[in-house]
C-alpha atoms as a PDB file:
ATOM      1  CA  MET A   1      72.957  25.560  68.193  1.00  0.00           C
ATOM      2  CA  ALA A   2      71.016  26.514  65.023  1.00  0.00           C
ATOM      3  CA  ASP A   3      67.948  27.209  67.195  1.00  0.00           C
ATOM      4  CA  VAL A   4      70.048  29.653  69.257  1.00  0.00           C
ATOM      5  CA  ILE A   5      71.163  31.480  66.128  1.00  0.00           C
ATOM      6  CA  ASN A   6      67.550  31.800  64.900  1.00  0.00           C
ATOM      7  CA  VAL A   7      66.594  33.516  68.133  1.00  0.00           C
ATOM      8  CA  SER A   8      68.770  36.543  67.294  1.00  0.00           C
ATOM      9  CA  VAL A   9      68.600  36.378  63.449  1.00  0.00           C
ATOM     10  CA  ASN A  10      65.533  35.346  61.434  1.00  0.00           C
ATOM     11  CA  LEU A  11      67.109  33.442  58.572  1.00  0.00           C
ATOM     12  CA  GLU A  12      63.918  33.174  56.525  1.00  0.00           C
ATOM     13  CA  ALA A  13      63.372  36.904  56.747  1.00  0.00           C
ATOM     14  CA  PHE A  14      67.050  37.407  55.957  1.00  0.00           C
ATOM     15  CA  SER A  15      66.655  35.358  52.733  1.00  0.00           C
ATOM     16  CA  GLN A  16      63.546  37.330  51.775  1.00  0.00           C
ATOM     17  CA  ALA A  17      65.394  40.590  52.414  1.00  0.00           C
ATOM     18  CA  ILE A  18      68.129  39.578  49.960  1.00  0.00           C
ATOM     19  CA  SER A  19      65.454  38.902  47.353  1.00  0.00           C
ATOM     20  CA  ALA A  20      63.866  42.255  48.110  1.00  0.00           C
ATOM     21  CA  ILE A  21      67.222  43.974  47.568  1.00  0.00           C
ATOM     22  CA  GLN A  22      67.511  42.321  44.180  1.00  0.00           C
ATOM     23  CA  ALA A  23      63.999  43.416  43.269  1.00  0.00           C
ATOM     24  CA  LEU A  24      64.776  46.960  44.389  1.00  0.00           C
ATOM     25  CA  ARG A  25      67.860  47.131  42.276  1.00  0.00           C
ATOM     26  CA  SER A  26      65.957  45.854  39.241  1.00  0.00           C
ATOM     27  CA  SER A  27      63.177  48.444  39.641  1.00  0.00           C
ATOM     28  CA  VAL A  28      65.780  51.225  40.012  1.00  0.00           C
ATOM     29  CA  SER A  29      67.439  50.009  36.815  1.00  0.00           C
ATOM     30  CA  ARG A  30      64.145  50.160  35.033  1.00  0.00           C
ATOM     31  CA  VAL A  31      63.747  53.781  36.096  1.00  0.00           C
ATOM     32  CA  PHE A  32      67.103  54.718  34.595  1.00  0.00           C
ATOM     33  CA  ASP A  33      66.366  52.731  31.443  1.00  0.00           C
ATOM     34  CA  CYS A  34      63.128  54.647  31.053  1.00  0.00           C
ATOM     35  CA  LEU A  35      64.950  57.914  31.346  1.00  0.00           C
ATOM     36  CA  LYS A  36      67.572  56.728  28.920  1.00  0.00           C
ATOM     37  CA  ASP A  37      65.071  55.585  26.232  1.00  0.00           C
ATOM     38  CA  GLY A  38      62.975  58.693  26.416  1.00  0.00           C
ATOM     39  CA  MET A  39      59.746  59.091  24.411  1.00  0.00           C
ATOM     40  CA  ARG A  40      59.261  56.466  21.717  1.00  0.00           C
ATOM     41  CA  ASN A  41      56.718  54.401  19.748  1.00  0.00           C
ATOM     42  CA  LYS A  42      54.119  57.132  19.338  1.00  0.00           C
ATOM     43  CA  GLU A  43      53.385  59.162  16.245  1.00  0.00           C
ATOM     44  CA  THR A  44      52.352  62.469  17.885  1.00  0.00           C
ATOM     45  CA  LEU A  45      54.372  64.438  20.412  1.00  0.00           C
ATOM     46  CA  GLU A  46      51.522  64.527  22.886  1.00  0.00           C
ATOM     47  CA  GLY A  47      51.068  60.776  22.725  1.00  0.00           C
ATOM     48  CA  ARG A  48      54.763  60.205  23.306  1.00  0.00           C
ATOM     49  CA  GLU A  49      54.746  62.508  26.353  1.00  0.00           C
ATOM     50  CA  LYS A  50      51.706  60.843  27.924  1.00  0.00           C
ATOM     51  CA  ALA A  51      53.183  57.335  27.367  1.00  0.00           C
ATOM     52  CA  PHE A  52      56.561  58.384  28.795  1.00  0.00           C
ATOM     53  CA  ILE A  53      54.961  59.939  31.908  1.00  0.00           C
ATOM     54  CA  ALA A  54      52.764  56.887  32.545  1.00  0.00           C
ATOM     55  CA  HIS A  55      55.655  54.504  32.082  1.00  0.00           C
ATOM     56  CA  PHE A  56      57.885  56.601  34.339  1.00  0.00           C
ATOM     57  CA  GLN A  57      55.279  56.769  37.105  1.00  0.00           C
ATOM     58  CA  ASP A  58      54.800  52.978  36.998  1.00  0.00           C
ATOM     59  CA  ASN A  59      58.536  52.483  37.442  1.00  0.00           C
ATOM     60  CA  LEU A  60      58.620  54.940  40.383  1.00  0.00           C
ATOM     61  CA  HIS A  61      55.695  53.137  42.028  1.00  0.00           C
ATOM     62  CA  SER A  62      57.603  49.863  41.679  1.00  0.00           C
ATOM     63  CA  VAL A  63      60.656  51.400  43.396  1.00  0.00           C
ATOM     64  CA  ASN A  64      58.507  52.677  46.261  1.00  0.00           C
ATOM     65  CA  ARG A  65      56.803  49.334  46.692  1.00  0.00           C
ATOM     66  CA  ASP A  66      60.087  47.416  46.705  1.00  0.00           C
ATOM     67  CA  LEU A  67      61.647  49.848  49.172  1.00  0.00           C
ATOM     68  CA  ASN A  68      58.679  49.512  51.586  1.00  0.00           C
ATOM     69  CA  GLU A  69      58.940  45.768  51.356  1.00  0.00           C
ATOM     70  CA  LEU A  70      62.661  45.851  52.136  1.00  0.00           C
ATOM     71  CA  GLU A  71      62.053  48.091  55.163  1.00  0.00           C
ATOM     72  CA  ARG A  72      59.432  45.658  56.480  1.00  0.00           C
ATOM     73  CA  LEU A  73      61.717  42.675  56.116  1.00  0.00           C
ATOM     74  CA  SER A  74      64.631  44.506  57.700  1.00  0.00           C
ATOM     75  CA  ASN A  75      62.588  44.833  60.897  1.00  0.00           C
ATOM     76  CA  LEU A  76      61.900  41.122  60.869  1.00  0.00           C
ATOM     77  CA  VAL A  77      65.549  40.091  60.408  1.00  0.00           C
ATOM     78  CA  GLY A  78      66.595  41.122  63.930  1.00  0.00           C
ATOM     79  CA  LYS A  79      69.861  42.405  65.228  1.00  0.00           C
ATOM     80  CA  PRO A  80      72.750  39.910  64.936  1.00  0.00           C
ATOM     81  CA  SER A  81      75.164  39.543  67.806  1.00  0.00           C
ATOM     82  CA  GLU A  82      78.320  41.656  67.599  1.00  0.00           C
ATOM     83  CA  ASN A  83      81.140  39.939  65.792  1.00  0.00           C
ATOM     84  CA  HIS A  84      84.707  40.870  66.704  1.00  0.00           C
ATOM     85  CA  PRO A  85      87.923  39.083  65.856  1.00  0.00           C
ATOM     86  CA  LEU A  86      88.160  37.409  69.276  1.00  0.00           C
ATOM     87  CA  HIS A  87      88.762  33.935  67.843  1.00  0.00           C
ATOM     88  CA  ASN A  88      86.969  31.157  69.817  1.00  0.00           C
ATOM     89  CA  SER A  89      85.710  33.603  72.425  1.00  0.00           C
ATOM     90  CA  GLY A  90      82.931  34.515  69.969  1.00  0.00           C
ATOM     91  CA  LEU A  91      81.210  31.228  70.952  1.00  0.00           C
ATOM     92  CA  LEU A  92      80.470  32.826  74.317  1.00  0.00           C
ATOM     93  CA  SER A  93      77.830  34.981  72.646  1.00  0.00           C
ATOM     94  CA  LEU A  94      75.816  31.796  72.031  1.00  0.00           C
ATOM     95  CA  ASP A  95      75.277  31.298  75.759  1.00  0.00           C
ATOM     96  CA  PRO A  96      71.483  31.205  76.330  1.00  0.00           C
ATOM     97  CA  VAL A  97      71.842  32.573  79.862  1.00  0.00           C
ATOM     98  CA  GLN A  98      73.857  35.674  78.877  1.00  0.00           C
ATOM     99  CA  ASP A  99      71.775  37.866  81.227  1.00  0.00           C
ATOM    100  CA  LYS A 100      73.096  35.873  84.190  1.00  0.00           C
ATOM    101  CA  THR A 101      76.639  35.492  82.936  1.00  0.00           C
ATOM    102  CA  PRO A 102      77.482  38.512  80.745  1.00  0.00           C
ATOM    103  CA  LEU A 103      81.010  37.292  80.100  1.00  0.00           C
ATOM    104  CA  TYR A 104      81.059  38.019  76.361  1.00  0.00           C
ATOM    105  CA  SER A 105      79.808  41.588  76.674  1.00  0.00           C
ATOM    106  CA  GLN A 106      82.417  42.272  79.348  1.00  0.00           C
ATOM    107  CA  LEU A 107      85.091  40.774  77.115  1.00  0.00           C
ATOM    108  CA  LEU A 108      84.067  43.035  74.263  1.00  0.00           C
ATOM    109  CA  GLN A 109      84.238  46.084  76.489  1.00  0.00           C
ATOM    110  CA  ALA A 110      87.701  45.122  77.714  1.00  0.00           C
ATOM    111  CA  TYR A 111      88.810  44.515  74.089  1.00  0.00           C
ATOM    112  CA  LYS A 112      87.613  47.996  73.014  1.00  0.00           C
ATOM    113  CA  TRP A 113      89.265  49.629  76.014  1.00  0.00           C
ATOM    114  CA  SER A 114      92.539  47.844  75.285  1.00  0.00           C
ATOM    115  CA  ASN A 115      92.508  49.066  71.642  1.00  0.00           C
ATOM    116  CA  LYS A 116      91.818  52.618  72.748  1.00  0.00           C
ATOM    117  CA  LEU A 117      94.594  52.413  75.422  1.00  0.00           C
ATOM    118  CA  GLN A 118      97.063  51.176  72.766  1.00  0.00           C
ATOM    119  CA  TYR A 119      96.086  54.031  70.365  1.00  0.00           C
ATOM    120  CA  HIS A 120      96.588  56.720  72.987  1.00  0.00           C
ATOM    121  CA  ALA A 121      99.852  55.132  74.162  1.00  0.00           C
ATOM    122  CA  GLY A 122     101.146  55.286  70.618  1.00  0.00           C
ATOM    123  CA  LEU A 123     100.292  59.019  70.429  1.00  0.00           C
ATOM    124  CA  ALA A 124     101.974  59.687  73.746  1.00  0.00           C
ATOM    125  CA  SER A 125     105.074  57.779  72.673  1.00  0.00           C
ATOM    126  CA  GLY A 126     105.392  59.906  69.554  1.00  0.00           C
ATOM    127  CA  LEU A 127     105.109  63.149  71.507  1.00  0.00           C
ATOM    128  CA  LEU A 128     107.728  62.033  74.038  1.00  0.00           C
ATOM    129  CA  ASN A 129     110.110  61.020  71.298  1.00  0.00           C
ATOM    130  CA  GLN A 130     109.891  64.468  69.789  1.00  0.00           C
ATOM    131  CA  GLN A 131     111.024  66.005  73.082  1.00  0.00           C
ATOM    132  CA  SER A 132     114.182  63.791  73.129  1.00  0.00           C
ATOM    133  CA  LEU A 133     113.764  62.722  76.759  1.00  0.00           C
ATOM    134  CA  LYS A 134     116.532  60.144  77.010  1.00  0.00           C
ATOM    135  CA  ARG A 135     117.179  58.847  80.480  1.00  0.00           C
ATOM    136  CA  SER A 136     118.401  55.362  81.303  1.00  0.00           C
ATOM    137  CA  ALA A 137     117.588  53.438  84.432  1.00  0.00           C
ATOM    138  CA  ASN A 138     121.251  53.012  85.252  1.00  0.00           C
ATOM    139  CA  GLN A 139     121.918  56.743  85.298  1.00  0.00           C
ATOM    140  CA  MET A 140     118.966  57.396  87.596  1.00  0.00           C
ATOM    141  CA  GLY A 141     119.678  54.507  89.960  1.00  0.00           C
ATOM    142  CA  VAL A 142     123.449  54.553  90.361  1.00  0.00           C
ATOM    143  CA  SER A 143     124.254  58.264  90.739  1.00  0.00           C
ATOM    144  CA  ALA A 144     122.268  60.290  93.236  1.00  0.00           C
ATOM    145  CA  LYS A 145     123.670  63.578  92.057  1.00  0.00           C
ATOM    146  CA  ARG A 146     122.484  64.941  88.760  1.00  0.00           C
ATOM    147  CA  ARG A 147     124.978  65.915  86.217  1.00  0.00           C
ATOM    148  CA  PRO A 148     125.183  69.638  85.528  1.00  0.00           C
ATOM    149  CA  LYS A 149     123.435  70.631  82.352  1.00  0.00           C
ATOM    150  CA  ALA A 150     125.746  71.884  79.641  1.00  0.00           C
ATOM    151  CA  GLN A 151     124.869  75.415  78.753  1.00  0.00           C
ATOM    152  CA  PRO A 152     124.443  76.110  75.030  1.00  0.00           C
ATOM    153  CA  THR A 153     127.364  77.995  73.666  1.00  0.00           C
ATOM    154  CA  THR A 154     125.118  80.621  72.008  1.00  0.00           C
ATOM    155  CA  LEU A 155     123.735  81.685  75.361  1.00  0.00           C
ATOM    156  CA  VAL A 156     127.142  82.494  76.910  1.00  0.00           C
ATOM    157  CA  LEU A 157     128.593  84.586  74.138  1.00  0.00           C
ATOM    158  CA  PRO A 158     131.186  87.151  75.403  1.00  0.00           C
ATOM    159  CA  PRO A 159     130.022  90.782  75.513  1.00  0.00           C
ATOM    160  CA  GLN A 160     132.808  91.773  73.080  1.00  0.00           C
ATOM    161  CA  TYR A 161     131.341  89.460  70.416  1.00  0.00           C
ATOM    162  CA  VAL A 162     127.920  90.919  70.913  1.00  0.00           C
ATOM    163  CA  ASP A 163     129.348  94.472  70.591  1.00  0.00           C
ATOM    164  CA  ASP A 164     131.097  93.553  67.311  1.00  0.00           C
ATOM    165  CA  VAL A 165     127.913  92.093  65.801  1.00  0.00           C
ATOM    166  CA  ILE A 166     125.864  95.142  66.771  1.00  0.00           C
ATOM    167  CA  SER A 167     128.619  97.468  65.401  1.00  0.00           C
ATOM    168  CA  ARG A 168     128.614  95.676  62.043  1.00  0.00           C
ATOM    169  CA  ILE A 169     124.804  95.914  61.814  1.00  0.00           C
ATOM    170  CA  ASP A 170     125.006  99.609  62.680  1.00  0.00           C
ATOM    171  CA  ARG A 171     127.424 100.165  59.766  1.00  0.00           C
ATOM    172  CA  MET A 172     125.156  98.227  57.370  1.00  0.00           C
ATOM    173  CA  PHE A 173     122.240 100.621  57.769  1.00  0.00           C
ATOM    174  CA  PRO A 174     123.202 104.276  57.630  1.00  0.00           C
ATOM    175  CA  GLU A 175     119.585 105.343  58.107  1.00  0.00           C
ATOM    176  CA  MET A 176     119.568 103.740  61.560  1.00  0.00           C
ATOM    177  CA  SER A 177     121.565 104.664  64.659  1.00  0.00           C
ATOM    178  CA  ILE A 178     122.036 102.017  67.321  1.00  0.00           C
ATOM    179  CA  HIS A 179     123.075 102.959  70.837  1.00  0.00           C
ATOM    180  CA  LEU A 180     124.168  99.985  73.014  1.00  0.00           C
ATOM    181  CA  SER A 181     124.086 100.026  76.797  1.00  0.00           C
ATOM    182  CA  ARG A 182     124.188  97.479  79.617  1.00  0.00           C
ATOM    183  CA  PRO A 183     122.232  98.903  82.605  1.00  0.00           C
ATOM    184  CA  ASN A 184     121.693  95.488  84.252  1.00  0.00           C
ATOM    185  CA  GLY A 185     124.960  93.652  83.933  1.00  0.00           C
ATOM    186  CA  THR A 186     125.963  91.778  80.792  1.00  0.00           C
ATOM    187  CA  SER A 187     122.537  91.922  79.070  1.00  0.00           C
ATOM    188  CA  ALA A 188     122.532  94.480  76.307  1.00  0.00           C
ATOM    189  CA  MET A 189     119.836  97.052  75.587  1.00  0.00           C
ATOM    190  CA  LEU A 190     119.687  98.707  72.192  1.00  0.00           C
ATOM    191  CA  LEU A 191     118.117 102.107  71.419  1.00  0.00           C
ATOM    192  CA  VAL A 192     117.497 102.047  67.687  1.00  0.00           C
ATOM    193  CA  THR A 193     116.505 105.344  66.073  1.00  0.00           C
ATOM    194  CA  LEU A 194     115.124 104.975  62.573  1.00  0.00           C
ATOM    195  CA  GLY A 195     115.528 108.332  60.841  1.00  0.00           C
ATOM    196  CA  LYS A 196     112.878 110.714  62.163  1.00  0.00           C
ATOM    197  CA  VAL A 197     110.140 108.052  62.054  1.00  0.00           C
ATOM    198  CA  LEU A 198     110.320 105.997  65.225  1.00  0.00           C
ATOM    199  CA  LYS A 199     112.475 104.667  68.024  1.00  0.00           C
ATOM    200  CA  VAL A 200     112.758 101.035  69.101  1.00  0.00           C
ATOM    201  CA  ILE A 201     114.005  99.694  72.404  1.00  0.00           C
ATOM    202  CA  VAL A 202     115.462  96.187  71.980  1.00  0.00           C
ATOM    203  CA  VAL A 203     116.159  94.172  75.162  1.00  0.00           C
ATOM    204  CA  MET A 204     118.682  91.422  74.526  1.00  0.00           C
ATOM    205  CA  ARG A 205     119.844  88.345  76.365  1.00  0.00           C
ATOM    206  CA  SER A 206     123.321  87.748  75.093  1.00  0.00           C
ATOM    207  CA  LEU A 207     122.683  87.806  71.313  1.00  0.00           C
ATOM    208  CA  PHE A 208     119.041  86.814  71.556  1.00  0.00           C
ATOM    209  CA  ILE A 209     116.333  89.486  71.279  1.00  0.00           C
ATOM    210  CA  ASP A 210     114.129  89.108  74.318  1.00  0.00           C
ATOM    211  CA  ARG A 211     111.728  92.025  73.930  1.00  0.00           C
ATOM    212  CA  THR A 212     111.072  95.018  71.660  1.00  0.00           C
ATOM    213  CA  ILE A 213     109.171  98.218  72.318  1.00  0.00           C
ATOM    214  CA  VAL A 214     108.311 100.586  69.466  1.00  0.00           C
ATOM    215  CA  LYS A 215     107.792 104.290  70.226  1.00  0.00           C
ATOM    216  CA  GLY A 216     107.164 107.410  68.186  1.00  0.00           C
ATOM    217  CA  TYR A 217     110.115 109.555  67.317  1.00  0.00           C
ATOM    218  CA  ASN A 218     108.988 112.368  69.649  1.00  0.00           C
ATOM    219  CA  GLU A 219     108.065 110.080  72.518  1.00  0.00           C
ATOM    220  CA  ASN A 220     110.268 110.108  75.633  1.00  0.00           C
ATOM    221  CA  VAL A 221     112.198 106.892  75.955  1.00  0.00           C
ATOM    222  CA  TYR A 222     114.022 107.807  79.226  1.00  0.00           C
ATOM    223  CA  THR A 223     112.893 107.869  82.788  1.00  0.00           C
ATOM    224  CA  GLU A 224     113.572 110.712  85.250  1.00  0.00           C
ATOM    225  CA  ASP A 225     116.941 109.293  86.287  1.00  0.00           C
ATOM    226  CA  GLY A 226     118.149 109.047  82.670  1.00  0.00           C
ATOM    227  CA  LYS A 227     117.627 105.328  82.132  1.00  0.00           C
ATOM    228  CA  VAL A 228     115.843 103.728  79.198  1.00  0.00           C
ATOM    229  CA  SER A 229     112.157 103.129  80.013  1.00  0.00           C
ATOM    230  CA  ILE A 230     110.721  99.745  79.070  1.00  0.00           C
ATOM    231  CA  LEU A 231     107.469  99.996  81.005  1.00  0.00           C
ATOM    232  CA  ASP A 232     105.507 102.557  79.037  1.00  0.00           C
ATOM    233  CA  PRO A 233     102.623 100.989  77.089  1.00  0.00           C
ATOM    234  CA  CYS A 234     102.969 101.163  73.303  1.00  0.00           C
ATOM    235  CA  VAL A 235     102.047  99.259  70.143  1.00  0.00           C
ATOM    236  CA  THR A 236     104.578  96.521  69.602  1.00  0.00           C
ATOM    237  CA  ASP A 237     102.476  93.740  68.145  1.00  0.00           C
ATOM    238  CA  HIS A 238     104.107  93.789  64.691  1.00  0.00           C
ATOM    239  CA  ALA A 239     107.615  93.783  66.161  1.00  0.00           C
ATOM    240  CA  THR A 240     106.779  90.919  68.458  1.00  0.00           C
ATOM    241  CA  THR A 241     105.365  88.955  65.548  1.00  0.00           C
ATOM    242  CA  ALA A 242     108.571  89.585  63.606  1.00  0.00           C
ATOM    243  CA  LEU A 243     110.640  88.205  66.543  1.00  0.00           C
ATOM    244  CA  LEU A 244     108.601  85.021  66.501  1.00  0.00           C
ATOM    245  CA  HIS A 245     109.051  84.766  62.730  1.00  0.00           C
ATOM    246  CA  TYR A 246     112.846  85.278  62.707  1.00  0.00           C
ATOM    247  CA  GLN A 247     113.760  82.379  64.996  1.00  0.00           C
ATOM    248  CA  LEU A 248     117.050  80.553  64.389  1.00  0.00           C
ATOM    249  CA  PRO A 249     118.671  79.573  67.694  1.00  0.00           C
ATOM    250  CA  GLN A 250     121.730  78.093  65.987  1.00  0.00           C
ATOM    251  CA  MET A 251     122.562  81.436  64.287  1.00  0.00           C
ATOM    252  CA  PRO A 252     121.490  84.298  66.575  1.00  0.00           C
ATOM    253  CA  ASP A 253     123.558  86.900  64.672  1.00  0.00           C
ATOM    254  CA  VAL A 254     121.488  86.168  61.556  1.00  0.00           C
ATOM    255  CA  VAL A 255     118.343  86.594  63.568  1.00  0.00           C
ATOM    256  CA  VAL A 256     119.417  90.028  64.748  1.00  0.00           C
ATOM    257  CA  ARG A 257     120.485  91.124  61.248  1.00  0.00           C
ATOM    258  CA  SER A 258     117.190  89.870  59.739  1.00  0.00           C
ATOM    259  CA  PHE A 259     115.171  91.706  62.372  1.00  0.00           C
ATOM    260  CA  MET A 260     117.109  94.922  61.812  1.00  0.00           C
ATOM    261  CA  THR A 261     116.551  94.594  58.033  1.00  0.00           C
ATOM    262  CA  TRP A 262     112.828  94.234  58.617  1.00  0.00           C
ATOM    263  CA  LEU A 263     112.865  97.138  60.991  1.00  0.00           C
ATOM    264  CA  ARG A 264     114.693  99.351  58.495  1.00  0.00           C
ATOM    265  CA  SER A 265     111.765  98.992  56.028  1.00  0.00           C
ATOM    266  CA  TYR A 266     109.775 101.369  58.331  1.00  0.00           C
ATOM    267  CA  ILE A 267     111.970 104.242  57.143  1.00  0.00           C
ATOM    268  CA  LYS A 268     109.222 104.947  54.580  1.00  0.00           C
ATOM    269  CA  LEU A 269     106.321 104.479  56.982  1.00  0.00           C
ATOM    270  CA  PHE A 270     104.584 107.696  55.855  1.00  0.00           C
ATOM    271  CA  GLN A 271     105.740 107.472  52.195  1.00  0.00           C
ATOM    272  CA  ALA A 272     104.927 103.950  51.005  1.00  0.00           C
ATOM    273  CA  PRO A 273     101.283 103.193  50.019  1.00  0.00           C
ATOM    274  CA  CYS A 274      99.516  99.980  50.890  1.00  0.00           C
ATOM    275  CA  GLN A 275     100.196  97.247  48.337  1.00  0.00           C
ATOM    276  CA  ARG A 276      96.656  95.951  48.579  1.00  0.00           C
ATOM    277  CA  CYS A 277      94.442  99.065  48.417  1.00  0.00           C
ATOM    278  CA  GLY A 278      96.962 101.600  47.210  1.00  0.00           C
ATOM    279  CA  LYS A 279      96.077 104.136  49.894  1.00  0.00           C
ATOM    280  CA  PHE A 280      98.423 105.980  52.166  1.00  0.00           C
ATOM    281  CA  LEU A 281      95.970 106.234  55.060  1.00  0.00           C
ATOM    282  CA  GLN A 282      93.173 104.008  56.257  1.00  0.00           C
ATOM    283  CA  ASP A 283      91.126 105.135  59.240  1.00  0.00           C
ATOM    284  CA  GLY A 284      93.775 107.863  59.723  1.00  0.00           C
ATOM    285  CA  LEU A 285      96.644 105.266  60.005  1.00  0.00           C
ATOM    286  CA  PRO A 286      99.457 104.559  57.550  1.00  0.00           C
ATOM    287  CA  PRO A 287     100.268 100.947  56.432  1.00  0.00           C
ATOM    288  CA  THR A 288     102.043  99.678  59.517  1.00  0.00           C
ATOM    289  CA  TRP A 289     102.481  96.036  58.521  1.00  0.00           C
ATOM    290  CA  ARG A 290     105.603  94.901  56.664  1.00  0.00           C
ATOM    291  CA  ASP A 291     105.815  91.553  54.947  1.00  0.00           C
ATOM    292  CA  PHE A 292     108.560  89.378  56.448  1.00  0.00           C
ATOM    293  CA  ARG A 293     109.926  88.296  53.060  1.00  0.00           C
ATOM    294  CA  THR A 294     109.246  91.069  50.603  1.00  0.00           C
ATOM    295  CA  LEU A 295     109.110  93.924  53.177  1.00  0.00           C
ATOM    296  CA  GLU A 296     106.047  95.360  51.337  1.00  0.00           C
ATOM    297  CA  ALA A 297     103.747  97.749  53.181  1.00  0.00           C
ATOM    298  CA  PHE A 298     100.174  96.782  54.046  1.00  0.00           C
ATOM    299  CA  HIS A 299      97.466  98.135  56.282  1.00  0.00           C
ATOM    300  CA  ASP A 300      96.667  95.861  59.223  1.00  0.00           C
ATOM    301  CA  THR A 301      93.273  94.976  57.744  1.00  0.00           C
ATOM    302  CA  CYS A 302      94.528  94.630  54.119  1.00  0.00           C
ATOM    303  CA  ARG A 303      97.183  91.998  54.953  1.00  0.00           C
ATOM    304  CA  GLN A 304      94.531  89.434  55.996  1.00  0.00           C
END
């Protein structure tokens, strides 16, 4: 069995390589000792410099020689067989006819594949647990009919409650006028007029804000038949970003009030300078971005 081991690993070269590593470490230590001691044992400065340079070069040559010797021995050592914690199955790697019966290499491949499968299964389990998918085998096998899903109470709020919330918000901000209408059933549509600065169309689903469209104060917000138009193209990126920021499904009235507070900060769209550059206009545009917490004004390029 020792002969089989020597075929893959040259033990004599391995022993010499260890000695070469020790010699390399010693030569490197002498280099640092030379740098630490500096120039000594000479009366004149020129003599000390010459002696230091000569001694330093000798030490560097020693490091280079020992490194070359270690590289030569490393090529003679050979590549050892792969060692994995497979217990007694590692003895299969000593089979002299491995080319004909590659059982050990196949076992290693299966072992790596099993570890990778276990890792990905753990990741998938964590993701599924976050989604709270809880179904038992008894519920799926016994009853053929699915139970009706319980609708969240916040999605089926009565229209009167929605009207009361909007009415309270309208009284909170005297600079804003909110006109509520229901052109398509129970879903509310708000036309918010902010002073003489801009108009905002807010499409709601119960008490959830589904979409916002920002228009200039002088833009037409009605179609030919007198209905509110929600199809005209306009810049609503900032308002959409605010909707994504103010998300609290458990308290939709707080979301609406927070969004209206953020929207009210545009009352000074043409009066507030940018908090970063201090200018009122940049490329002919006022600071159109409002911070979600402080409501400070920024240009779109200055906020980044």
